[in-house]
Amino acid sequence: MARQRRASKSPILLLRLILHSAPPRLRVKRFSVPRHEIDMTPRDWGLGAAAAALLLDQISKLVLLYGFDFRDMGPGQAVQVLPFFNL
């Protein structure tokens, strides 16, 4: 009875027991990435996020300028989206 109580409290232990007791052909193979490929400090993640944000900002600016022809608009002109909202 103690084993059932322990397994019911921790579903992870029960899942491990099921996976390790399965025949080898039915076991789940884990995808693993070598440790040296993901060894990044928080500073590296922050610099990567900042570079990605800068890249997305510049791409969106180019799409608005050349894709929607905002470049040809004069100063003070606006695109009316709704009666109370202009771009």
PDB file of N, CA and C in Angstrom:
ATOM      1  N   MET A   1       0.826  -1.191   0.000  1.00  0.00           N
ATOM      2  CA  MET A   1       0.000   0.000   0.000  1.00  0.00           C
ATOM      3  C   MET A   1       0.871   1.257   0.000  1.00  0.00           C
ATOM      4  N   ALA A   2       2.021   1.192   0.631  1.00  0.00           N
ATOM      5  CA  ALA A   2       2.917   2.343   0.657  1.00  0.00           C
ATOM      6  C   ALA A   2       3.426   2.671  -0.739  1.00  0.00           C
ATOM      7  N   ARG A   3       3.657   1.654  -1.565  1.00  0.00           N
ATOM      8  CA  ARG A   3       4.124   1.905  -2.935  1.00  0.00           C
ATOM      9  C   ARG A   3       3.060   2.625  -3.752  1.00  0.00           C
ATOM     10  N   GLN A   4       1.803   2.238  -3.589  1.00  0.00           N
ATOM     11  CA  GLN A   4       0.738   2.893  -4.351  1.00  0.00           C
ATOM     12  C   GLN A   4       0.615   4.355  -3.939  1.00  0.00           C
ATOM     13  N   ARG A   5       0.708   4.629  -2.671  1.00  0.00           N
ATOM     14  CA  ARG A   5       0.612   6.002  -2.201  1.00  0.00           C
ATOM     15  C   ARG A   5       1.776   6.831  -2.750  1.00  0.00           C
ATOM     16  N   ARG A   6       2.955   6.263  -2.760  1.00  0.00           N
ATOM     17  CA  ARG A   6       4.136   6.976  -3.259  1.00  0.00           C
ATOM     18  C   ARG A   6       4.005   7.241  -4.766  1.00  0.00           C
ATOM     19  N   ALA A   7       3.541   6.270  -5.533  1.00  0.00           N
ATOM     20  CA  ALA A   7       3.386   6.444  -6.974  1.00  0.00           C
ATOM     21  C   ALA A   7       2.280   7.444  -7.283  1.00  0.00           C
ATOM     22  N   SER A   8       1.216   7.453  -6.483  1.00  0.00           N
ATOM     23  CA  SER A   8       0.133   8.391  -6.753  1.00  0.00           C
ATOM     24  C   SER A   8       0.546   9.824  -6.428  1.00  0.00           C
ATOM     25  N   LYS A   9       1.491  10.010  -5.501  1.00  0.00           N
ATOM     26  CA  LYS A   9       1.948  11.352  -5.179  1.00  0.00           C
ATOM     27  C   LYS A   9       2.897  11.889  -6.236  1.00  0.00           C
ATOM     28  N   SER A  10       3.623  10.999  -6.896  1.00  0.00           N
ATOM     29  CA  SER A  10       4.593  11.446  -7.862  1.00  0.00           C
ATOM     30  C   SER A  10       4.363  10.752  -9.205  1.00  0.00           C
ATOM     31  N   PRO A  11       3.632  11.395 -10.112  1.00  0.00           N
ATOM     32  CA  PRO A  11       3.393  10.771 -11.417  1.00  0.00           C
ATOM     33  C   PRO A  11       4.666  10.646 -12.240  1.00  0.00           C
ATOM     34  N   ILE A  12       5.677  11.449 -11.937  1.00  0.00           N
ATOM     35  CA  ILE A  12       6.942  11.353 -12.668  1.00  0.00           C
ATOM     36  C   ILE A  12       7.630  10.032 -12.360  1.00  0.00           C
ATOM     37  N   LEU A  13       7.588   9.605 -11.089  1.00  0.00           N
ATOM     38  CA  LEU A  13       8.179   8.319 -10.731  1.00  0.00           C
ATOM     39  C   LEU A  13       7.455   7.176 -11.425  1.00  0.00           C
ATOM     40  N   LEU A  14       6.142   7.274 -11.515  1.00  0.00           N
ATOM     41  CA  LEU A  14       5.364   6.240 -12.190  1.00  0.00           C
ATOM     42  C   LEU A  14       5.701   6.208 -13.680  1.00  0.00           C
ATOM     43  N   LEU A  15       5.835   7.356 -14.297  1.00  0.00           N
ATOM     44  CA  LEU A  15       6.192   7.426 -15.716  1.00  0.00           C
ATOM     45  C   LEU A  15       7.579   6.845 -15.963  1.00  0.00           C
ATOM     46  N   ARG A  16       8.540   7.141 -15.094  1.00  0.00           N
ATOM     47  CA  ARG A  16       9.881   6.568 -15.235  1.00  0.00           C
ATOM     48  C   ARG A  16       9.850   5.055 -15.119  1.00  0.00           C
ATOM     49  N   LEU A  17       9.039   4.558 -14.183  1.00  0.00           N
ATOM     50  CA  LEU A  17       8.926   3.110 -14.006  1.00  0.00           C
ATOM     51  C   LEU A  17       8.360   2.465 -15.259  1.00  0.00           C
ATOM     52  N   ILE A  18       7.359   3.093 -15.861  1.00  0.00           N
ATOM     53  CA  ILE A  18       6.745   2.539 -17.069  1.00  0.00           C
ATOM     54  C   ILE A  18       7.736   2.577 -18.232  1.00  0.00           C
ATOM     55  N   LEU A  19       8.438   3.692 -18.411  1.00  0.00           N
ATOM     56  CA  LEU A  19       9.365   3.816 -19.535  1.00  0.00           C
ATOM     57  C   LEU A  19      10.542   2.864 -19.422  1.00  0.00           C
ATOM     58  N   HIS A  20      11.055   2.673 -18.208  1.00  0.00           N
ATOM     59  CA  HIS A  20      12.218   1.808 -18.044  1.00  0.00           C
ATOM     60  C   HIS A  20      11.849   0.336 -18.047  1.00  0.00           C
ATOM     61  N   SER A  21      10.594   0.018 -17.792  1.00  0.00           N
ATOM     62  CA  SER A  21      10.193  -1.380 -17.816  1.00  0.00           C
ATOM     63  C   SER A  21       9.679  -1.794 -19.194  1.00  0.00           C
ATOM     64  N   ALA A  22       9.529  -0.859 -20.133  1.00  0.00           N
ATOM     65  CA  ALA A  22       9.067  -1.194 -21.480  1.00  0.00           C
ATOM     66  C   ALA A  22      10.158  -1.942 -22.238  1.00  0.00           C
ATOM     67  N   PRO A  23       9.754  -2.766 -23.195  1.00  0.00           N
ATOM     68  CA  PRO A  23      10.764  -3.441 -24.031  1.00  0.00           C
ATOM     69  C   PRO A  23      11.608  -2.409 -24.775  1.00  0.00           C
ATOM     70  N   PRO A  24      12.847  -2.735 -25.132  1.00  0.00           N
ATOM     71  CA  PRO A  24      13.735  -1.761 -25.768  1.00  0.00           C
ATOM     72  C   PRO A  24      13.166  -1.154 -27.045  1.00  0.00           C
ATOM     73  N   ARG A  25      12.389  -1.901 -27.808  1.00  0.00           N
ATOM     74  CA  ARG A  25      11.861  -1.350 -29.059  1.00  0.00           C
ATOM     75  C   ARG A  25      10.757  -0.329 -28.817  1.00  0.00           C
ATOM     76  N   LEU A  26      10.182  -0.307 -27.626  1.00  0.00           N
ATOM     77  CA  LEU A  26       9.113   0.647 -27.323  1.00  0.00           C
ATOM     78  C   LEU A  26       9.588   1.830 -26.494  1.00  0.00           C
ATOM     79  N   ARG A  27      10.829   1.829 -26.063  1.00  0.00           N
ATOM     80  CA  ARG A  27      11.332   2.921 -25.240  1.00  0.00           C
ATOM     81  C   ARG A  27      11.440   4.202 -26.055  1.00  0.00           C
ATOM     82  N   VAL A  28      11.187   5.293 -25.402  1.00  0.00           N
ATOM     83  CA  VAL A  28      11.257   6.593 -26.056  1.00  0.00           C
ATOM     84  C   VAL A  28      12.709   7.024 -26.127  1.00  0.00           C
ATOM     85  N   LYS A  29      13.151   7.383 -27.331  1.00  0.00           N
ATOM     86  CA  LYS A  29      14.515   7.878 -27.485  1.00  0.00           C
ATOM     87  C   LYS A  29      14.491   9.385 -27.265  1.00  0.00           C
ATOM     88  N   ARG A  30      15.380   9.847 -26.454  1.00  0.00           N
ATOM     89  CA  ARG A  30      15.430  11.276 -26.132  1.00  0.00           C
ATOM     90  C   ARG A  30      16.312  12.004 -27.130  1.00  0.00           C
ATOM     91  N   PHE A  31      15.864  13.172 -27.520  1.00  0.00           N
ATOM     92  CA  PHE A  31      16.670  14.029 -28.384  1.00  0.00           C
ATOM     93  C   PHE A  31      17.614  14.798 -27.488  1.00  0.00           C
ATOM     94  N   SER A  32      18.883  14.708 -27.763  1.00  0.00           N
ATOM     95  CA  SER A  32      19.832  15.418 -26.924  1.00  0.00           C
ATOM     96  C   SER A  32      20.726  16.302 -27.782  1.00  0.00           C
ATOM     97  N   VAL A  33      20.985  17.474 -27.286  1.00  0.00           N
ATOM     98  CA  VAL A  33      21.873  18.423 -27.939  1.00  0.00           C
ATOM     99  C   VAL A  33      23.182  18.395 -27.166  1.00  0.00           C
ATOM    100  N   PRO A  34      24.301  18.321 -27.869  1.00  0.00           N
ATOM    101  CA  PRO A  34      25.573  18.354 -27.138  1.00  0.00           C
ATOM    102  C   PRO A  34      25.682  19.601 -26.271  1.00  0.00           C
ATOM    103  N   ARG A  35      26.230  19.446 -25.123  1.00  0.00           N
ATOM    104  CA  ARG A  35      26.297  20.528 -24.139  1.00  0.00           C
ATOM    105  C   ARG A  35      27.043  21.752 -24.660  1.00  0.00           C
ATOM    106  N   HIS A  36      28.081  21.569 -25.456  1.00  0.00           N
ATOM    107  CA  HIS A  36      28.881  22.705 -25.900  1.00  0.00           C
ATOM    108  C   HIS A  36      28.123  23.616 -26.864  1.00  0.00           C
ATOM    109  N   GLU A  37      27.026  23.136 -27.462  1.00  0.00           N
ATOM    110  CA  GLU A  37      26.276  23.961 -28.407  1.00  0.00           C
ATOM    111  C   GLU A  37      25.319  24.929 -27.723  1.00  0.00           C
ATOM    112  N   ILE A  38      24.890  24.632 -26.510  1.00  0.00           N
ATOM    113  CA  ILE A  38      23.923  25.493 -25.839  1.00  0.00           C
ATOM    114  C   ILE A  38      24.504  26.164 -24.603  1.00  0.00           C
ATOM    115  N   ASP A  39      25.794  26.220 -24.511  1.00  0.00           N
ATOM    116  CA  ASP A  39      26.447  26.815 -23.350  1.00  0.00           C
ATOM    117  C   ASP A  39      26.523  28.328 -23.523  1.00  0.00           C
ATOM    118  N   MET A  40      25.430  29.018 -23.206  1.00  0.00           N
ATOM    119  CA  MET A  40      25.360  30.468 -23.353  1.00  0.00           C
ATOM    120  C   MET A  40      25.067  31.094 -22.000  1.00  0.00           C
ATOM    121  N   THR A  41      25.714  32.204 -21.732  1.00  0.00           N
ATOM    122  CA  THR A  41      25.461  32.934 -20.496  1.00  0.00           C
ATOM    123  C   THR A  41      24.214  33.797 -20.675  1.00  0.00           C
ATOM    124  N   PRO A  42      23.624  34.270 -19.588  1.00  0.00           N
ATOM    125  CA  PRO A  42      22.480  35.176 -19.714  1.00  0.00           C
ATOM    126  C   PRO A  42      22.809  36.426 -20.535  1.00  0.00           C
ATOM    127  N   ARG A  43      24.064  36.880 -20.454  1.00  0.00           N
ATOM    128  CA  ARG A  43      24.470  38.037 -21.253  1.00  0.00           C
ATOM    129  C   ARG A  43      24.392  37.716 -22.746  1.00  0.00           C
ATOM    130  N   ASP A  44      24.818  36.502 -23.126  1.00  0.00           N
ATOM    131  CA  ASP A  44      24.742  36.085 -24.526  1.00  0.00           C
ATOM    132  C   ASP A  44      23.292  36.010 -24.999  1.00  0.00           C
ATOM    133  N   TRP A  45      22.408  35.476 -24.159  1.00  0.00           N
ATOM    134  CA  TRP A  45      20.986  35.412 -24.517  1.00  0.00           C
ATOM    135  C   TRP A  45      20.414  36.822 -24.676  1.00  0.00           C
ATOM    136  N   GLY A  46      20.801  37.730 -23.798  1.00  0.00           N
ATOM    137  CA  GLY A  46      20.315  39.106 -23.887  1.00  0.00           C
ATOM    138  C   GLY A  46      20.801  39.810 -25.138  1.00  0.00           C
ATOM    139  N   LEU A  47      22.076  39.612 -25.479  1.00  0.00           N
ATOM    140  CA  LEU A  47      22.601  40.221 -26.702  1.00  0.00           C
ATOM    141  C   LEU A  47      21.927  39.628 -27.939  1.00  0.00           C
ATOM    142  N   GLY A  48      21.660  38.350 -27.920  1.00  0.00           N
ATOM    143  CA  GLY A  48      20.953  37.716 -29.038  1.00  0.00           C
ATOM    144  C   GLY A  48      19.535  38.234 -29.178  1.00  0.00           C
ATOM    145  N   ALA A  49      18.864  38.409 -28.042  1.00  0.00           N
ATOM    146  CA  ALA A  49      17.494  38.943 -28.077  1.00  0.00           C
ATOM    147  C   ALA A  49      17.485  40.388 -28.576  1.00  0.00           C
ATOM    148  N   ALA A  50      18.464  41.174 -28.153  1.00  0.00           N
ATOM    149  CA  ALA A  50      18.551  42.568 -28.621  1.00  0.00           C
ATOM    150  C   ALA A  50      18.829  42.622 -30.115  1.00  0.00           C
ATOM    151  N   ALA A  51      19.707  41.759 -30.616  1.00  0.00           N
ATOM    152  CA  ALA A  51      20.003  41.719 -32.053  1.00  0.00           C
ATOM    153  C   ALA A  51      18.776  41.286 -32.843  1.00  0.00           C
ATOM    154  N   ALA A  52      18.029  40.314 -32.330  1.00  0.00           N
ATOM    155  CA  ALA A  52      16.808  39.864 -33.007  1.00  0.00           C
ATOM    156  C   ALA A  52      15.763  40.975 -33.033  1.00  0.00           C
ATOM    157  N   ALA A  53      15.620  41.720 -31.935  1.00  0.00           N
ATOM    158  CA  ALA A  53      14.661  42.819 -31.889  1.00  0.00           C
ATOM    159  C   ALA A  53      15.045  43.923 -32.866  1.00  0.00           C
ATOM    160  N   LEU A  54      16.334  44.236 -32.944  1.00  0.00           N
ATOM    161  CA  LEU A  54      16.801  45.250 -33.891  1.00  0.00           C
ATOM    162  C   LEU A  54      16.538  44.818 -35.328  1.00  0.00           C
ATOM    163  N   LEU A  55      16.801  43.572 -35.632  1.00  0.00           N
ATOM    164  CA  LEU A  55      16.567  43.055 -36.981  1.00  0.00           C
ATOM    165  C   LEU A  55      15.083  43.103 -37.344  1.00  0.00           C
ATOM    166  N   LEU A  56      14.214  42.665 -36.443  1.00  0.00           N
ATOM    167  CA  LEU A  56      12.773  42.710 -36.708  1.00  0.00           C
ATOM    168  C   LEU A  56      12.265  44.138 -36.846  1.00  0.00           C
ATOM    169  N   ASP A  57      12.817  45.074 -36.077  1.00  0.00           N
ATOM    170  CA  ASP A  57      12.424  46.474 -36.170  1.00  0.00           C
ATOM    171  C   ASP A  57      12.770  47.043 -37.543  1.00  0.00           C
ATOM    172  N   GLN A  58      13.966  46.755 -38.024  1.00  0.00           N
ATOM    173  CA  GLN A  58      14.383  47.282 -39.320  1.00  0.00           C
ATOM    174  C   GLN A  58      13.602  46.641 -40.464  1.00  0.00           C
ATOM    175  N   ILE A  59      13.313  45.365 -40.358  1.00  0.00           N
ATOM    176  CA  ILE A  59      12.514  44.697 -41.390  1.00  0.00           C
ATOM    177  C   ILE A  59      11.110  45.286 -41.448  1.00  0.00           C
ATOM    178  N   SER A  60      10.493  45.501 -40.284  1.00  0.00           N
ATOM    179  CA  SER A  60       9.137  46.074 -40.278  1.00  0.00           C
ATOM    180  C   SER A  60       9.139  47.495 -40.822  1.00  0.00           C
ATOM    181  N   LYS A  61      10.196  48.257 -40.564  1.00  0.00           N
ATOM    182  CA  LYS A  61      10.289  49.610 -41.110  1.00  0.00           C
ATOM    183  C   LYS A  61      10.375  49.575 -42.632  1.00  0.00           C
ATOM    184  N   LEU A  62      11.175  48.673 -43.171  1.00  0.00           N
ATOM    185  CA  LEU A  62      11.301  48.562 -44.620  1.00  0.00           C
ATOM    186  C   LEU A  62       9.995  48.111 -45.273  1.00  0.00           C
ATOM    187  N   VAL A  63       9.281  47.209 -44.617  1.00  0.00           N
ATOM    188  CA  VAL A  63       7.989  46.757 -45.153  1.00  0.00           C
ATOM    189  C   VAL A  63       7.006  47.914 -45.190  1.00  0.00           C
ATOM    190  N   LEU A  64       6.963  48.713 -44.132  1.00  0.00           N
ATOM    191  CA  LEU A  64       6.035  49.847 -44.118  1.00  0.00           C
ATOM    192  C   LEU A  64       6.429  50.913 -45.128  1.00  0.00           C
ATOM    193  N   LEU A  65       7.712  51.205 -45.250  1.00  0.00           N
ATOM    194  CA  LEU A  65       8.151  52.255 -46.174  1.00  0.00           C
ATOM    195  C   LEU A  65       7.960  51.862 -47.628  1.00  0.00           C
ATOM    196  N   TYR A  66       8.401  50.676 -47.997  1.00  0.00           N
ATOM    197  CA  TYR A  66       8.399  50.301 -49.404  1.00  0.00           C
ATOM    198  C   TYR A  66       7.245  49.377 -49.778  1.00  0.00           C
ATOM    199  N   GLY A  67       6.754  48.583 -48.860  1.00  0.00           N
ATOM    200  CA  GLY A  67       5.640  47.681 -49.164  1.00  0.00           C
ATOM    201  C   GLY A  67       4.308  48.393 -49.208  1.00  0.00           C
ATOM    202  N   PHE A  68       4.111  49.357 -48.312  1.00  0.00           N
ATOM    203  CA  PHE A  68       2.844  50.084 -48.249  1.00  0.00           C
ATOM    204  C   PHE A  68       2.972  51.509 -48.771  1.00  0.00           C
ATOM    205  N   ASP A  69       4.091  51.826 -49.392  1.00  0.00           N
ATOM    206  CA  ASP A  69       4.338  53.134 -50.019  1.00  0.00           C
ATOM    207  C   ASP A  69       4.200  54.312 -49.055  1.00  0.00           C
ATOM    208  N   PHE A  70       4.633  54.158 -47.839  1.00  0.00           N
ATOM    209  CA  PHE A  70       4.643  55.280 -46.900  1.00  0.00           C
ATOM    210  C   PHE A  70       5.753  56.263 -47.260  1.00  0.00           C
ATOM    211  N   ARG A  71       6.705  55.824 -48.046  1.00  0.00           N
ATOM    212  CA  ARG A  71       7.811  56.687 -48.453  1.00  0.00           C
ATOM    213  C   ARG A  71       7.314  57.839 -49.314  1.00  0.00           C
ATOM    214  N   ASP A  72       6.264  57.610 -50.115  1.00  0.00           N
ATOM    215  CA  ASP A  72       5.738  58.626 -51.023  1.00  0.00           C
ATOM    216  C   ASP A  72       4.774  59.592 -50.353  1.00  0.00           C
ATOM    217  N   MET A  73       4.439  59.359 -49.083  1.00  0.00           N
ATOM    218  CA  MET A  73       3.509  60.252 -48.388  1.00  0.00           C
ATOM    219  C   MET A  73       4.230  61.525 -47.968  1.00  0.00           C
ATOM    220  N   GLY A  74       3.535  62.615 -48.070  1.00  0.00           N
ATOM    221  CA  GLY A  74       4.107  63.887 -47.647  1.00  0.00           C
ATOM    222  C   GLY A  74       4.008  64.075 -46.153  1.00  0.00           C
ATOM    223  N   PRO A  75       4.707  65.071 -45.630  1.00  0.00           N
ATOM    224  CA  PRO A  75       4.613  65.331 -44.187  1.00  0.00           C
ATOM    225  C   PRO A  75       3.206  65.783 -43.813  1.00  0.00           C
ATOM    226  N   GLY A  76       2.708  65.251 -42.754  1.00  0.00           N
ATOM    227  CA  GLY A  76       1.379  65.625 -42.287  1.00  0.00           C
ATOM    228  C   GLY A  76       0.269  64.758 -42.849  1.00  0.00           C
ATOM    229  N   GLN A  77       0.548  63.935 -43.839  1.00  0.00           N
ATOM    230  CA  GLN A  77      -0.480  63.040 -44.367  1.00  0.00           C
ATOM    231  C   GLN A  77      -0.655  61.862 -43.426  1.00  0.00           C
ATOM    232  N   ALA A  78      -1.846  61.282 -43.452  1.00  0.00           N
ATOM    233  CA  ALA A  78      -2.140  60.161 -42.570  1.00  0.00           C
ATOM    234  C   ALA A  78      -2.967  59.131 -43.314  1.00  0.00           C
ATOM    235  N   VAL A  79      -2.892  57.914 -42.857  1.00  0.00           N
ATOM    236  CA  VAL A  79      -3.709  56.827 -43.385  1.00  0.00           C
ATOM    237  C   VAL A  79      -4.837  56.618 -42.394  1.00  0.00           C
ATOM    238  N   GLN A  80      -6.069  56.787 -42.873  1.00  0.00           N
ATOM    239  CA  GLN A  80      -7.199  56.664 -41.969  1.00  0.00           C
ATOM    240  C   GLN A  80      -7.573  55.190 -41.844  1.00  0.00           C
ATOM    241  N   VAL A  81      -7.450  54.652 -40.662  1.00  0.00           N
ATOM    242  CA  VAL A  81      -7.789  53.260 -40.392  1.00  0.00           C
ATOM    243  C   VAL A  81      -9.234  53.185 -39.927  1.00  0.00           C
ATOM    244  N   LEU A  82      -9.584  53.989 -38.967  1.00  0.00           N
ATOM    245  CA  LEU A  82     -10.949  54.116 -38.445  1.00  0.00           C
ATOM    246  C   LEU A  82     -11.266  55.598 -38.351  1.00  0.00           C
ATOM    247  N   PRO A  83     -12.527  55.976 -38.199  1.00  0.00           N
ATOM    248  CA  PRO A  83     -12.829  57.409 -38.098  1.00  0.00           C
ATOM    249  C   PRO A  83     -12.098  58.130 -36.970  1.00  0.00           C
ATOM    250  N   PHE A  84     -11.681  57.405 -35.954  1.00  0.00           N
ATOM    251  CA  PHE A  84     -10.998  58.032 -34.827  1.00  0.00           C
ATOM    252  C   PHE A  84      -9.536  57.594 -34.703  1.00  0.00           C
ATOM    253  N   PHE A  85      -9.019  56.816 -35.674  1.00  0.00           N
ATOM    254  CA  PHE A  85      -7.662  56.291 -35.588  1.00  0.00           C
ATOM    255  C   PHE A  85      -6.952  56.452 -36.918  1.00  0.00           C
ATOM    256  N   ASN A  86      -5.862  57.223 -36.907  1.00  0.00           N
ATOM    257  CA  ASN A  86      -5.057  57.439 -38.106  1.00  0.00           C
ATOM    258  C   ASN A  86      -3.629  56.962 -37.856  1.00  0.00           C
ATOM    259  N   LEU A  87      -2.967  56.569 -38.938  1.00  0.00           N
ATOM    260  CA  LEU A  87      -1.546  56.229 -38.872  1.00  0.00           C
ATOM    261  C   LEU A  87      -0.744  57.348 -39.466  1.00  0.00           C
TER     262      LEU A  87
END
